[in-house]
PDB file of all heavy atoms in Angstrom:
ATOM      1  N   THR A   1       6.822 -26.862  74.159  1.00  0.00           N
ATOM      2  CA  THR A   1       7.391 -25.659  74.688  1.00  0.00           C
ATOM      3  C   THR A   1       6.942 -24.475  73.935  1.00  0.00           C
ATOM      4  O   THR A   1       6.985 -24.527  72.669  1.00  0.00           O
ATOM      5  CB  THR A   1       8.986 -25.791  74.614  1.00  0.00           C
ATOM      6  OG1 THR A   1       9.360 -26.794  75.479  1.00  0.00           O
ATOM      7  CG2 THR A   1       9.619 -24.484  75.315  1.00  0.00           C
ATOM      8  N   GLY A   2       6.481 -23.411  74.608  1.00  0.00           N
ATOM      9  CA  GLY A   2       5.946 -22.260  73.926  1.00  0.00           C
ATOM     10  C   GLY A   2       7.113 -21.340  73.359  1.00  0.00           C
ATOM     11  O   GLY A   2       6.954 -20.951  72.216  1.00  0.00           O
ATOM     12  N   VAL A   3       8.131 -21.027  74.123  1.00  0.00           N
ATOM     13  CA  VAL A   3       9.142 -20.231  73.661  1.00  0.00           C
ATOM     14  C   VAL A   3      10.547 -20.909  73.890  1.00  0.00           C
ATOM     15  O   VAL A   3      10.725 -21.375  75.056  1.00  0.00           O
ATOM     16  CB  VAL A   3       9.170 -18.833  74.359  1.00  0.00           C
ATOM     17  CG1 VAL A   3      10.409 -18.005  73.933  1.00  0.00           C
ATOM     18  CG2 VAL A   3       7.870 -18.084  73.966  1.00  0.00           C
ATOM     19  N   VAL A   4      11.455 -20.865  73.002  1.00  0.00           N
ATOM     20  CA  VAL A   4      12.800 -21.436  73.245  1.00  0.00           C
ATOM     21  C   VAL A   4      13.844 -20.350  72.704  1.00  0.00           C
ATOM     22  O   VAL A   4      13.648 -19.705  71.626  1.00  0.00           O
ATOM     23  CB  VAL A   4      12.981 -22.702  72.340  1.00  0.00           C
ATOM     24  CG1 VAL A   4      14.436 -23.173  72.471  1.00  0.00           C
ATOM     25  CG2 VAL A   4      12.049 -23.825  72.816  1.00  0.00           C
ATOM     26  N   GLY A   5      14.837 -20.115  73.529  1.00  0.00           N
ATOM     27  CA  GLY A   5      15.924 -19.241  73.170  1.00  0.00           C
ATOM     28  C   GLY A   5      17.266 -19.917  73.377  1.00  0.00           C
ATOM     29  O   GLY A   5      17.470 -20.460  74.465  1.00  0.00           O
ATOM     30  N   ASN A   6      18.055 -19.920  72.353  1.00  0.00           N
ATOM     31  CA  ASN A   6      19.407 -20.540  72.455  1.00  0.00           C
ATOM     32  C   ASN A   6      20.520 -19.502  72.185  1.00  0.00           C
ATOM     33  O   ASN A   6      20.333 -18.706  71.184  1.00  0.00           O
ATOM     34  CB  ASN A   6      19.533 -21.691  71.463  1.00  0.00           C
ATOM     35  CG  ASN A   6      18.608 -22.799  71.856  1.00  0.00           C
ATOM     36  OD1 ASN A   6      18.607 -23.271  73.014  1.00  0.00           O
ATOM     37  ND2 ASN A   6      17.829 -23.270  70.882  1.00  0.00           N
ATOM     38  N   SER A   7      21.533 -19.480  72.903  1.00  0.00           N
ATOM     39  CA  SER A   7      22.708 -18.685  72.607  1.00  0.00           C
ATOM     40  C   SER A   7      23.914 -19.622  72.438  1.00  0.00           C
ATOM     41  O   SER A   7      24.216 -20.348  73.386  1.00  0.00           O
ATOM     42  CB  SER A   7      23.013 -17.767  73.761  1.00  0.00           C
ATOM     43  OG  SER A   7      24.203 -16.973  73.488  1.00  0.00           O
ATOM     44  N   LEU A   8      24.350 -19.705  71.170  1.00  0.00           N
ATOM     45  CA  LEU A   8      25.349 -20.841  70.864  1.00  0.00           C
ATOM     46  C   LEU A   8      26.819 -20.431  70.900  1.00  0.00           C
ATOM     47  O   LEU A   8      27.668 -21.167  70.641  1.00  0.00           O
ATOM     48  CB  LEU A   8      24.955 -21.353  69.447  1.00  0.00           C
ATOM     49  CG  LEU A   8      23.549 -21.852  69.273  1.00  0.00           C
ATOM     50  CD1 LEU A   8      23.321 -22.366  67.860  1.00  0.00           C
ATOM     51  CD2 LEU A   8      23.250 -22.950  70.330  1.00  0.00           C
ATOM     52  N   ALA A   9      27.097 -19.054  71.172  1.00  0.00           N
ATOM     53  CA  ALA A   9      28.489 -18.685  71.177  1.00  0.00           C
ATOM     54  C   ALA A   9      29.166 -19.303  72.504  1.00  0.00           C
ATOM     55  O   ALA A   9      28.529 -19.359  73.524  1.00  0.00           O
ATOM     56  CB  ALA A   9      28.528 -17.182  71.337  1.00  0.00           C
ATOM     57  N   LEU A  10      30.390 -19.642  72.350  1.00  0.00           N
ATOM     58  CA  LEU A  10      31.152 -20.293  73.428  1.00  0.00           C
ATOM     59  C   LEU A  10      31.874 -19.364  74.346  1.00  0.00           C
ATOM     60  O   LEU A  10      32.403 -19.714  75.258  1.00  0.00           O
ATOM     61  CB  LEU A  10      32.113 -21.297  72.865  1.00  0.00           C
ATOM     62  CG  LEU A  10      31.500 -22.479  71.986  1.00  0.00           C
ATOM     63  CD1 LEU A  10      32.556 -23.374  71.472  1.00  0.00           C
ATOM     64  CD2 LEU A  10      30.472 -23.209  72.916  1.00  0.00           C
ATOM     65  N   THR A  11      31.877 -18.019  73.958  1.00  0.00           N
ATOM     66  CA  THR A  11      32.534 -16.988  74.826  1.00  0.00           C
ATOM     67  C   THR A  11      31.589 -15.773  74.901  1.00  0.00           C
ATOM     68  O   THR A  11      30.563 -15.673  74.196  1.00  0.00           O
ATOM     69  CB  THR A  11      33.896 -16.527  74.264  1.00  0.00           C
ATOM     70  OG1 THR A  11      33.656 -16.024  72.903  1.00  0.00           O
ATOM     71  CG2 THR A  11      34.766 -17.770  74.187  1.00  0.00           C
ATOM     72  N   GLY A  12      31.939 -14.853  75.710  1.00  0.00           N
ATOM     73  CA  GLY A  12      31.213 -13.623  75.938  1.00  0.00           C
ATOM     74  C   GLY A  12      30.093 -13.784  76.868  1.00  0.00           C
ATOM     75  O   GLY A  12      29.830 -14.826  77.428  1.00  0.00           O
ATOM     76  N   GLU A  13      29.430 -12.651  77.167  1.00  0.00           N
ATOM     77  CA  GLU A  13      28.267 -12.614  78.116  1.00  0.00           C
ATOM     78  C   GLU A  13      26.984 -12.904  77.330  1.00  0.00           C
ATOM     79  O   GLU A  13      26.282 -11.985  77.038  1.00  0.00           O
ATOM     80  CB  GLU A  13      28.255 -11.241  78.773  1.00  0.00           C
ATOM     81  CG  GLU A  13      29.347 -11.007  79.705  1.00  0.00           C
ATOM     82  CD  GLU A  13      29.204  -9.650  80.491  1.00  0.00           C
ATOM     83  OE1 GLU A  13      28.179  -9.333  80.875  1.00  0.00           O
ATOM     84  OE2 GLU A  13      30.288  -9.006  80.728  1.00  0.00           O
ATOM     85  N   THR A  14      26.788 -14.130  77.065  1.00  0.00           N
ATOM     86  CA  THR A  14      25.572 -14.447  76.223  1.00  0.00           C
ATOM     87  C   THR A  14      24.342 -14.793  77.110  1.00  0.00           C
ATOM     88  O   THR A  14      24.472 -15.025  78.357  1.00  0.00           O
ATOM     89  CB  THR A  14      25.880 -15.709  75.406  1.00  0.00           C
ATOM     90  OG1 THR A  14      26.096 -16.805  76.306  1.00  0.00           O
ATOM     91  CG2 THR A  14      27.176 -15.550  74.578  1.00  0.00           C
ATOM     92  N   LYS A  15      23.255 -14.632  76.487  1.00  0.00           N
ATOM     93  CA  LYS A  15      21.994 -14.860  77.149  1.00  0.00           C
ATOM     94  C   LYS A  15      21.010 -15.698  76.283  1.00  0.00           C
ATOM     95  O   LYS A  15      20.895 -15.474  75.107  1.00  0.00           O
ATOM     96  CB  LYS A  15      21.223 -13.535  77.500  1.00  0.00           C
ATOM     97  CG  LYS A  15      22.021 -12.623  78.339  1.00  0.00           C
ATOM     98  CD  LYS A  15      21.304 -11.235  78.552  1.00  0.00           C
ATOM     99  CE  LYS A  15      22.086 -10.414  79.438  1.00  0.00           C
ATOM    100  NZ  LYS A  15      23.415  -9.933  78.856  1.00  0.00           N
ATOM    101  N   GLY A  16      20.353 -16.739  76.901  1.00  0.00           N
ATOM    102  CA  GLY A  16      19.450 -17.468  76.140  1.00  0.00           C
ATOM    103  C   GLY A  16      18.234 -16.687  75.729  1.00  0.00           C
ATOM    104  O   GLY A  16      17.755 -16.709  74.616  1.00  0.00           O
ATOM    105  N   ILE A  17      17.607 -16.000  76.626  1.00  0.00           N
ATOM    106  CA  ILE A  17      16.450 -15.152  76.483  1.00  0.00           C
ATOM    107  C   ILE A  17      16.623 -13.900  77.216  1.00  0.00           C
ATOM    108  O   ILE A  17      17.023 -13.884  78.394  1.00  0.00           O
ATOM    109  CB  ILE A  17      15.124 -15.837  76.918  1.00  0.00           C
ATOM    110  CG1 ILE A  17      14.911 -17.060  76.097  1.00  0.00           C
ATOM    111  CG2 ILE A  17      13.976 -14.921  76.806  1.00  0.00           C
ATOM    112  CD1 ILE A  17      13.702 -17.854  76.509  1.00  0.00           C
ATOM    113  N   GLU A  18      16.444 -12.738  76.625  1.00  0.00           N
ATOM    114  CA  GLU A  18      16.462 -11.451  77.285  1.00  0.00           C
ATOM    115  C   GLU A  18      15.146 -10.637  76.969  1.00  0.00           C
ATOM    116  O   GLU A  18      14.684 -10.619  75.874  1.00  0.00           O
ATOM    117  CB  GLU A  18      17.705 -10.631  76.733  1.00  0.00           C
ATOM    118  CG  GLU A  18      17.873  -9.275  77.446  1.00  0.00           C
ATOM    119  CD  GLU A  18      19.107  -8.596  77.050  1.00  0.00           C
ATOM    120  OE1 GLU A  18      19.850  -9.016  76.129  1.00  0.00           O
ATOM    121  OE2 GLU A  18      19.440  -7.526  77.652  1.00  0.00           O
ATOM    122  N   ALA A  19      14.661  -9.963  78.041  1.00  0.00           N
ATOM    123  CA  ALA A  19      13.446  -9.286  77.886  1.00  0.00           C
ATOM    124  C   ALA A  19      13.671  -7.839  78.472  1.00  0.00           C
ATOM    125  O   ALA A  19      14.254  -7.732  79.504  1.00  0.00           O
ATOM    126  CB  ALA A  19      12.298  -9.960  78.486  1.00  0.00           C
ATOM    127  N   SER A  20      13.004  -6.808  77.747  1.00  0.00           N
ATOM    128  CA  SER A  20      13.181  -5.510  78.337  1.00  0.00           C
ATOM    129  C   SER A  20      11.933  -4.660  77.945  1.00  0.00           C
ATOM    130  O   SER A  20      11.141  -5.090  77.180  1.00  0.00           O
ATOM    131  CB  SER A  20      14.447  -4.715  77.723  1.00  0.00           C
ATOM    132  OG  SER A  20      14.271  -4.563  76.303  1.00  0.00           O
ATOM    133  N   VAL A  21      11.689  -3.657  78.825  1.00  0.00           N
ATOM    134  CA  VAL A  21      10.451  -2.904  78.585  1.00  0.00           C
ATOM    135  C   VAL A  21      10.758  -1.421  78.917  1.00  0.00           C
ATOM    136  O   VAL A  21      11.529  -1.137  79.723  1.00  0.00           O
ATOM    137  CB  VAL A  21       9.318  -3.528  79.518  1.00  0.00           C
ATOM    138  CG1 VAL A  21       9.678  -3.328  81.046  1.00  0.00           C
ATOM    139  CG2 VAL A  21       7.985  -2.783  79.202  1.00  0.00           C
ATOM    140  N   GLU A  22      10.189  -0.530  78.158  1.00  0.00           N
ATOM    141  CA  GLU A  22      10.379   0.916  78.379  1.00  0.00           C
ATOM    142  C   GLU A  22       9.247   1.576  79.326  1.00  0.00           C
ATOM    143  O   GLU A  22       9.494   2.558  79.950  1.00  0.00           O
ATOM    144  CB  GLU A  22      10.497   1.601  77.084  1.00  0.00           C
ATOM    145  CG  GLU A  22      11.602   1.285  76.138  1.00  0.00           C
ATOM    146  CD  GLU A  22      12.918   1.514  76.779  1.00  0.00           C
ATOM    147  OE1 GLU A  22      13.114   2.564  77.619  1.00  0.00           O
ATOM    148  OE2 GLU A  22      13.913   0.845  76.442  1.00  0.00           O
ATOM    149  N   SER A  23       8.127   0.915  79.314  1.00  0.00           N
ATOM    150  CA  SER A  23       7.010   1.543  80.051  1.00  0.00           C
ATOM    151  C   SER A  23       7.321   1.491  81.569  1.00  0.00           C
ATOM    152  O   SER A  23       7.797   0.459  82.085  1.00  0.00           O
ATOM    153  CB  SER A  23       5.647   0.702  79.828  1.00  0.00           C
ATOM    154  OG  SER A  23       4.723   1.057  80.689  1.00  0.00           O
ATOM    155  N   PRO A  24       7.017   2.557  82.312  1.00  0.00           N
ATOM    156  CA  PRO A  24       7.288   2.641  83.729  1.00  0.00           C
ATOM    157  C   PRO A  24       6.389   1.601  84.507  1.00  0.00           C
ATOM    158  O   PRO A  24       6.649   1.175  85.669  1.00  0.00           O
ATOM    159  CB  PRO A  24       7.032   3.994  84.191  1.00  0.00           C
ATOM    160  CG  PRO A  24       6.169   4.558  83.121  1.00  0.00           C
ATOM    161  CD  PRO A  24       6.543   3.831  81.850  1.00  0.00           C
ATOM    162  N   ASN A  25       5.320   1.157  83.857  1.00  0.00           N
ATOM    163  CA  ASN A  25       4.345   0.199  84.526  1.00  0.00           C
ATOM    164  C   ASN A  25       4.433  -1.112  83.910  1.00  0.00           C
ATOM    165  O   ASN A  25       3.687  -2.039  84.132  1.00  0.00           O
ATOM    166  CB  ASN A  25       2.887   0.753  84.378  1.00  0.00           C
ATOM    167  CG  ASN A  25       2.721   2.038  85.179  1.00  0.00           C
ATOM    168  OD1 ASN A  25       3.258   2.162  86.204  1.00  0.00           O
ATOM    169  ND2 ASN A  25       2.027   2.971  84.552  1.00  0.00           N
ATOM    170  N   GLY A  26       5.475  -1.445  83.069  1.00  0.00           N
ATOM    171  CA  GLY A  26       5.608  -2.597  82.311  1.00  0.00           C
ATOM    172  C   GLY A  26       6.287  -3.692  83.093  1.00  0.00           C
ATOM    173  O   GLY A  26       6.857  -3.429  84.188  1.00  0.00           O
ATOM    174  N   THR A  27       6.371  -4.900  82.541  1.00  0.00           N
ATOM    175  CA  THR A  27       6.987  -6.027  83.137  1.00  0.00           C
ATOM    176  C   THR A  27       7.935  -6.599  82.079  1.00  0.00           C
ATOM    177  O   THR A  27       7.532  -6.900  80.926  1.00  0.00           O
ATOM    178  CB  THR A  27       6.013  -7.085  83.609  1.00  0.00           C
ATOM    179  OG1 THR A  27       5.172  -6.485  84.589  1.00  0.00           O
ATOM    180  CG2 THR A  27       6.750  -8.270  84.244  1.00  0.00           C
ATOM    181  N   GLY A  28       9.169  -6.860  82.517  1.00  0.00           N
ATOM    182  CA  GLY A  28      10.133  -7.380  81.547  1.00  0.00           C
ATOM    183  C   GLY A  28       9.770  -8.756  81.059  1.00  0.00           C
ATOM    184  O   GLY A  28       9.817  -9.114  79.883  1.00  0.00           O
ATOM    185  N   ALA A  29       9.359  -9.598  81.999  1.00  0.00           N
ATOM    186  CA  ALA A  29       8.925 -10.925  81.643  1.00  0.00           C
ATOM    187  C   ALA A  29       7.893 -11.327  82.721  1.00  0.00           C
ATOM    188  O   ALA A  29       8.036 -11.152  83.821  1.00  0.00           O
ATOM    189  CB  ALA A  29      10.064 -11.890  81.733  1.00  0.00           C
ATOM    190  N   SER A  30       6.708 -11.919  82.171  1.00  0.00           N
ATOM    191  CA  SER A  30       5.724 -12.331  83.038  1.00  0.00           C
ATOM    192  C   SER A  30       5.571 -13.839  82.796  1.00  0.00           C
ATOM    193  O   SER A  30       5.236 -14.292  81.693  1.00  0.00           O
ATOM    194  CB  SER A  30       4.413 -11.635  82.697  1.00  0.00           C
ATOM    195  OG  SER A  30       3.370 -12.066  83.470  1.00  0.00           O
ATOM    196  N   LEU A  31       5.714 -14.636  83.828  1.00  0.00           N
ATOM    197  CA  LEU A  31       5.654 -16.108  83.711  1.00  0.00           C
ATOM    198  C   LEU A  31       4.632 -16.608  84.574  1.00  0.00           C
ATOM    199  O   LEU A  31       4.451 -16.360  85.825  1.00  0.00           O
ATOM    200  CB  LEU A  31       7.035 -16.736  84.241  1.00  0.00           C
ATOM    201  CG  LEU A  31       8.287 -16.185  83.537  1.00  0.00           C
ATOM    202  CD1 LEU A  31       9.534 -16.866  84.231  1.00  0.00           C
ATOM    203  CD2 LEU A  31       8.283 -16.516  82.095  1.00  0.00           C
ATOM    204  N   ARG A  32       3.645 -17.276  83.952  1.00  0.00           N
ATOM    205  CA  ARG A  32       2.513 -17.892  84.590  1.00  0.00           C
ATOM    206  C   ARG A  32       2.534 -19.417  84.425  1.00  0.00           C
ATOM    207  O   ARG A  32       2.912 -19.889  83.345  1.00  0.00           O
ATOM    208  CB  ARG A  32       1.209 -17.282  84.148  1.00  0.00           C
ATOM    209  CG  ARG A  32       1.144 -15.793  84.397  1.00  0.00           C
ATOM    210  CD  ARG A  32      -0.272 -15.174  83.905  1.00  0.00           C
ATOM    211  NE  ARG A  32      -0.265 -13.879  84.121  1.00  0.00           N
ATOM    212  CZ  ARG A  32      -1.241 -13.001  83.772  1.00  0.00           C
ATOM    213  NH1 ARG A  32      -2.319 -13.617  83.192  1.00  0.00           N
ATOM    214  NH2 ARG A  32      -1.339 -11.669  83.965  1.00  0.00           N
ATOM    215  N   SER A  33       2.006 -20.060  85.343  1.00  0.00           N
ATOM    216  CA  SER A  33       1.993 -21.551  85.267  1.00  0.00           C
ATOM    217  C   SER A  33       0.705 -22.108  85.913  1.00  0.00           C
ATOM    218  O   SER A  33       0.201 -21.553  86.852  1.00  0.00           O
ATOM    219  CB  SER A  33       3.229 -22.159  85.897  1.00  0.00           C
ATOM    220  OG  SER A  33       3.157 -23.533  85.896  1.00  0.00           O
ATOM    221  N   PRO A  34       0.129 -23.205  85.407  1.00  0.00           N
ATOM    222  CA  PRO A  34      -0.977 -23.813  86.055  1.00  0.00           C
ATOM    223  C   PRO A  34      -0.582 -24.437  87.367  1.00  0.00           C
ATOM    224  O   PRO A  34       0.623 -24.210  87.895  1.00  0.00           O
ATOM    225  CB  PRO A  34      -1.421 -24.974  85.047  1.00  0.00           C
ATOM    226  CG  PRO A  34      -0.030 -25.236  84.346  1.00  0.00           C
ATOM    227  CD  PRO A  34       0.658 -23.953  84.237  1.00  0.00           C
ATOM    228  N   PRO A  35      -1.487 -25.184  88.093  1.00  0.00           N
ATOM    229  CA  PRO A  35      -1.222 -25.607  89.493  1.00  0.00           C
ATOM    230  C   PRO A  35       0.099 -26.331  89.658  1.00  0.00           C
ATOM    231  O   PRO A  35       0.576 -26.408  90.773  1.00  0.00           O
ATOM    232  CB  PRO A  35      -2.418 -26.668  89.711  1.00  0.00           C
ATOM    233  CG  PRO A  35      -3.457 -26.021  88.922  1.00  0.00           C
ATOM    234  CD  PRO A  35      -2.873 -25.578  87.605  1.00  0.00           C
TER     235      PRO A  35
END
């Protein structure tokens, strides 16, 4: 696995992985995969 994100809190609005970008032409997350 290339990237792993874990959120271990049992309450609240938790996220395993969060991505953000400020550029107006940017992408928050880009996911590519082989066939």
